């Protein structure tokens, strides 16, 4: 993905994708899973978007490096941190495309969330990022689920040819791949040659984000209930989380 495309994706996410309660509640559950699987406090975040996870990670460590190819994403993240009274002087911000990023530094954790679906060769990128891990370090990856409950419902209703078909939303945000629970696990284990430490589903979803948001407004217990049930049905959740480490 080139920088012009990244700028377009940033603009779309900033104005349309993130401004809903469903997204906010999903990110809360997502972060809790990530937090429970971190191996240390020297963290490399690859792809910051509009800074939601960056601000959450800032609560856990003073040793955070943030890499993004979009100058708008980096600026937005910095400004967001300042608005939330987070001192940005203790963090390292690097403008670089993911595949161009090189460093001699080693990190306890590499956080690569909602990025693999955007690039043509995710296995290559993940393998390169795994070189940044210290011994025993972990990489944390998440992707949307191409065979989630809501996509299955959409396919039965004739809105998609198949659950894993590309949607207009996928095209709008520059997705190159649609993964499911097993295909991405296979990519990590067999293509990237990494050991899987843990995997989880994040939030069950059966309607559109806008419709889910209205349901969440009506019942504050619903987000946690759907997320908890989703732990029993990870292959049907809206998003998929994987924690992996290098093979010894």
Protein backbone atom coordinates (compact mmCIF):
# COMPACT_ATOMS: atom_id res chain seq x y z
CA UNK A 1 0.00 0.00 0.00
CA UNK A 2 1.46 3.37 -1.01
CA UNK A 3 1.24 6.59 0.98
CA UNK A 4 -1.50 8.14 -1.18
CA UNK A 5 -3.71 5.11 -0.59
CA UNK A 6 -2.95 5.28 3.13
CA UNK A 7 -4.09 8.89 3.20
CA UNK A 8 -7.36 7.92 1.49
CA UNK A 9 -7.93 5.09 3.98
CA UNK A 10 -7.21 7.44 6.88
CA UNK A 11 -9.81 9.91 5.61
CA UNK A 12 -12.43 7.18 5.28
CA UNK A 13 -11.78 5.70 8.73
CA UNK A 14 -11.72 9.12 10.36
CA UNK A 15 -15.08 10.20 8.95
CA UNK A 16 -17.12 7.02 8.57
CA UNK A 17 -15.78 3.85 10.19
CA UNK A 18 -14.87 4.77 13.73
CA UNK A 19 -17.71 7.11 14.66
CA UNK A 20 -20.06 4.52 16.17
CA UNK A 21 -20.68 2.92 19.54
CA UNK A 22 -20.23 -0.61 18.17
CA UNK A 23 -16.70 0.24 17.05
CA UNK A 24 -15.87 1.76 20.43
CA UNK A 25 -17.15 -1.25 22.36
CA UNK A 26 -15.33 -3.66 20.05
CA UNK A 27 -12.04 -1.84 20.58
CA UNK A 28 -12.44 -2.02 24.36
CA UNK A 29 -12.77 -5.83 24.23
CA UNK A 30 -9.99 -6.04 21.68
CA UNK A 31 -7.59 -4.14 23.89
CA UNK A 32 -8.36 -6.25 26.94
CA UNK A 33 -7.41 -9.41 25.03
CA UNK A 34 -4.22 -7.76 23.79
CA UNK A 35 -3.32 -6.51 27.26
CA UNK A 36 -3.70 -10.00 28.72
CA UNK A 37 -1.25 -11.42 26.17
CA UNK A 38 1.56 -8.84 26.25
CA UNK A 39 4.95 -10.29 27.17
CA UNK A 40 6.63 -7.02 28.23
CA UNK A 41 6.58 -3.24 28.06
CA UNK A 42 8.85 -2.40 25.11
CA UNK A 43 6.22 -2.18 22.41
CA UNK A 44 6.30 -1.50 18.66
CA UNK A 45 2.94 -0.53 17.20
CA UNK A 46 2.79 -0.93 13.43
CA UNK A 47 -0.06 1.10 11.97
CA UNK A 48 -1.70 3.57 14.34
CA UNK A 49 -4.78 4.63 12.37
CA UNK A 50 -6.45 7.40 14.35
CA UNK A 51 -4.58 6.51 17.53
CA UNK A 52 -7.18 4.55 19.49
CA UNK A 53 -4.87 1.67 20.38
CA UNK A 54 -1.89 4.01 20.66
CA UNK A 55 -3.61 5.89 23.49
CA UNK A 56 -4.51 2.62 25.19
CA UNK A 57 -0.96 1.31 24.89
CA UNK A 58 0.32 4.59 26.32
CA UNK A 59 -1.41 3.67 29.57
CA UNK A 60 0.77 0.56 29.85
CA UNK A 61 4.25 1.69 28.90
CA UNK A 62 6.68 4.57 28.51
CA UNK A 63 8.57 2.61 25.86
CA UNK A 64 6.33 2.79 22.80
CA UNK A 65 7.41 3.17 19.18
CA UNK A 66 4.68 3.94 16.63
CA UNK A 67 5.25 3.35 12.91
CA UNK A 68 2.85 4.43 10.17
CA UNK A 69 3.24 5.32 6.52
CA UNK A 70 0.57 8.01 6.72
CA UNK A 71 1.69 11.40 8.06
CA UNK A 72 -1.98 12.22 8.70
CA UNK A 73 -2.36 9.16 10.93
CA UNK A 74 0.76 10.06 12.91
CA UNK A 75 -0.32 13.69 13.33
CA UNK A 76 -3.84 12.67 14.31
CA UNK A 77 -2.45 10.23 16.88
CA UNK A 78 -0.10 12.83 18.37
CA UNK A 79 -2.88 15.42 18.61
CA UNK A 80 -5.24 12.88 20.12
CA UNK A 81 -2.69 11.98 22.78
CA UNK A 82 -2.20 15.65 23.61
CA UNK A 83 -5.97 16.15 23.93
CA UNK A 84 -6.09 13.16 26.30
CA UNK A 85 -3.23 14.63 28.38
CA UNK A 86 -0.75 11.96 27.32
CA UNK A 87 2.83 13.20 27.10
CA UNK A 88 4.10 12.36 23.60
CA UNK A 89 7.73 13.22 24.40
CA UNK A 90 8.28 9.75 25.85
CA UNK A 91 7.25 7.98 22.63
CA UNK A 92 8.94 7.48 19.27
CA UNK A 93 6.94 8.27 16.12
CA UNK A 94 8.32 7.00 12.80
CA UNK A 95 6.87 7.72 9.35
CA UNK A 96 7.52 4.63 7.24
CA UNK A 97 5.63 2.17 5.11
CA UNK A 98 5.44 -1.13 6.96
CA UNK A 99 7.48 -3.05 4.41
CA UNK A 100 10.18 -0.36 4.37
CA UNK A 101 10.60 -0.23 8.14
CA UNK A 102 13.98 -1.44 9.41
CA UNK A 103 15.46 -1.28 12.88
CA UNK A 104 18.12 -2.88 15.04
CA UNK A 105 15.91 -2.48 18.09
CA UNK A 106 14.29 -5.54 19.64
CA UNK A 107 10.85 -5.35 21.25
CA UNK A 108 8.99 -7.46 23.77
CA UNK A 109 5.85 -7.03 21.68
CA UNK A 110 4.93 -6.02 18.14
CA UNK A 111 1.32 -4.85 17.77
CA UNK A 112 0.00 -5.17 14.21
CA UNK A 113 -3.76 -4.78 14.41
CA UNK A 114 -6.12 -4.45 11.47
CA UNK A 115 -3.27 -4.22 8.99
CA UNK A 116 -2.63 -7.59 7.34
CA UNK A 117 -5.81 -7.42 5.26
CA UNK A 118 -4.58 -4.17 3.68
CA UNK A 119 -1.37 -5.49 2.10
CA UNK A 120 -0.67 -7.75 -0.85
CA UNK A 121 1.80 -10.06 0.92
CA UNK A 122 0.94 -10.17 4.62
CA UNK A 123 3.13 -13.23 5.30
CA UNK A 124 6.20 -11.35 4.10
CA UNK A 125 5.37 -8.30 6.24
CA UNK A 126 4.65 -10.37 9.35
CA UNK A 127 7.86 -12.35 8.88
CA UNK A 128 9.83 -9.10 8.62
CA UNK A 129 8.16 -7.69 11.72
CA UNK A 130 8.91 -10.88 13.65
CA UNK A 131 12.61 -10.05 13.28
CA UNK A 132 11.99 -7.08 15.60
CA UNK A 133 11.06 -9.39 18.48
CA UNK A 134 13.36 -9.95 21.43
CA UNK A 135 13.80 -13.58 22.55
CA UNK A 136 10.44 -14.71 23.92
CA UNK A 137 8.74 -11.67 22.42
CA UNK A 138 5.29 -11.82 20.91
CA UNK A 139 3.56 -10.40 17.86
CA UNK A 140 -0.11 -9.48 18.16
CA UNK A 141 -2.16 -9.48 14.95
CA UNK A 142 -5.82 -8.95 14.22
CA UNK A 143 -7.92 -9.09 11.07
CA UNK A 144 -11.63 -8.82 10.22
CA UNK A 145 -13.32 -12.21 9.97
CA UNK A 146 -14.48 -13.07 6.46
CA UNK A 147 -16.76 -15.81 7.75
CA UNK A 148 -18.25 -13.99 10.70
CA UNK A 149 -21.85 -14.43 11.78
CA UNK A 150 -22.93 -11.16 10.21
CA UNK A 151 -21.33 -12.05 6.87
CA UNK A 152 -23.04 -15.43 6.94
CA UNK A 153 -26.37 -13.73 7.61
CA UNK A 154 -25.67 -11.31 4.75
CA UNK A 155 -24.94 -14.19 2.37
CA UNK A 156 -28.20 -15.98 3.27
CA UNK A 157 -30.06 -12.72 2.64
CA UNK A 158 -28.46 -12.39 -0.80
CA UNK A 159 -26.39 -9.33 0.12
CA UNK A 160 -23.15 -11.27 -0.54
CA UNK A 161 -22.41 -14.09 -2.97
CA UNK A 162 -20.50 -15.84 -0.20
CA UNK A 163 -19.63 -14.77 3.35
CA UNK A 164 -16.00 -14.20 2.36
CA UNK A 165 -16.86 -12.12 -0.72
CA UNK A 166 -15.43 -8.61 -0.85
CA UNK A 167 -17.93 -5.97 0.25
CA UNK A 168 -18.04 -2.33 -0.77
CA UNK A 169 -16.73 -1.59 2.70
CA UNK A 170 -13.68 -3.76 2.01
CA UNK A 171 -12.97 -1.82 -1.16
CA UNK A 172 -13.52 1.54 0.56
CA UNK A 173 -10.75 0.88 3.09
CA UNK A 174 -8.33 -0.78 0.69
CA UNK A 175 -8.57 -4.43 1.72
CA UNK A 176 -6.58 -6.92 -0.38
CA UNK A 177 -7.64 -10.04 1.53
CA UNK A 178 -10.60 -11.50 3.35
CA UNK A 179 -9.44 -14.02 5.96
CA UNK A 180 -11.27 -16.44 8.19
CA UNK A 181 -10.31 -18.05 11.51
CA UNK A 182 -8.49 -20.97 9.91
CA UNK A 183 -6.93 -19.31 6.85
CA UNK A 184 -5.15 -16.70 8.93
CA UNK A 185 -4.03 -19.25 11.50
CA UNK A 186 -2.54 -21.23 8.62
CA UNK A 187 -0.75 -18.11 7.35
CA UNK A 188 0.91 -17.53 10.74
CA UNK A 189 1.89 -21.13 11.41
CA UNK A 190 2.77 -22.42 7.95
CA UNK A 191 3.66 -19.34 5.90
CA UNK A 192 5.34 -17.26 8.60
CA UNK A 193 6.71 -20.32 10.46
CA UNK A 194 5.72 -18.93 13.88
CA UNK A 195 4.31 -20.65 16.95
CA UNK A 196 0.78 -19.66 17.86
CA UNK A 197 0.53 -18.69 21.54
CA UNK A 198 -3.14 -17.74 21.65
CA UNK A 199 -6.11 -16.79 19.50
CA UNK A 200 -9.48 -15.21 20.23
CA UNK A 201 -12.58 -13.92 18.55
CA UNK A 202 -13.52 -10.31 19.23
CA UNK A 203 -17.24 -9.45 19.50
CA UNK A 204 -20.09 -11.31 17.88
CA UNK A 205 -21.96 -9.21 15.35
CA UNK A 206 -25.11 -10.13 13.43
CA UNK A 207 -26.15 -6.79 11.90
CA UNK A 208 -24.41 -3.74 10.41
CA UNK A 209 -22.32 -1.47 12.64
CA UNK A 210 -25.06 1.15 12.58
CA UNK A 211 -27.74 -1.36 13.57
CA UNK A 212 -25.53 -2.89 16.27
CA UNK A 213 -24.90 0.59 17.66
CA UNK A 214 -28.64 1.15 18.09
CA UNK A 215 -28.96 -2.16 19.94
CA UNK A 216 -26.04 -1.26 22.19
CA UNK A 217 -27.70 2.06 23.07
CA UNK A 218 -30.81 0.18 24.18
CA UNK A 219 -28.99 -2.33 26.38
CA UNK A 220 -25.62 -1.57 27.98
CA UNK A 221 -25.12 -5.25 28.91
CA UNK A 222 -25.28 -6.41 25.30
CA UNK A 223 -21.66 -5.62 24.24
CA UNK A 224 -20.12 -7.69 27.03
CA UNK A 225 -22.64 -10.49 26.52
CA UNK A 226 -21.90 -10.76 22.81
CA UNK A 227 -18.16 -10.63 23.40
CA UNK A 228 -18.27 -13.31 26.09
CA UNK A 229 -20.40 -15.63 23.98
CA UNK A 230 -17.97 -14.96 21.17
CA UNK A 231 -15.17 -16.52 23.22
CA UNK A 232 -17.01 -19.82 22.79
CA UNK A 233 -17.48 -19.18 19.05
CA UNK A 234 -14.31 -17.39 17.91
CA UNK A 235 -14.70 -18.52 14.30
CA UNK A 236 -17.96 -16.51 14.09
CA UNK A 237 -16.77 -13.25 15.71
CA UNK A 238 -16.46 -9.96 13.85
CA UNK A 239 -12.68 -9.82 14.33
CA UNK A 240 -9.92 -12.34 14.94
CA UNK A 241 -6.93 -11.91 17.24
CA UNK A 242 -3.72 -13.98 17.14
CA UNK A 243 -0.68 -13.93 19.41
CA UNK A 244 2.44 -15.66 18.07
CA UNK A 245 6.17 -15.93 18.74
CA UNK A 246 9.25 -16.97 16.81
CA UNK A 247 10.17 -20.62 16.79
CA UNK A 248 13.32 -21.41 18.69
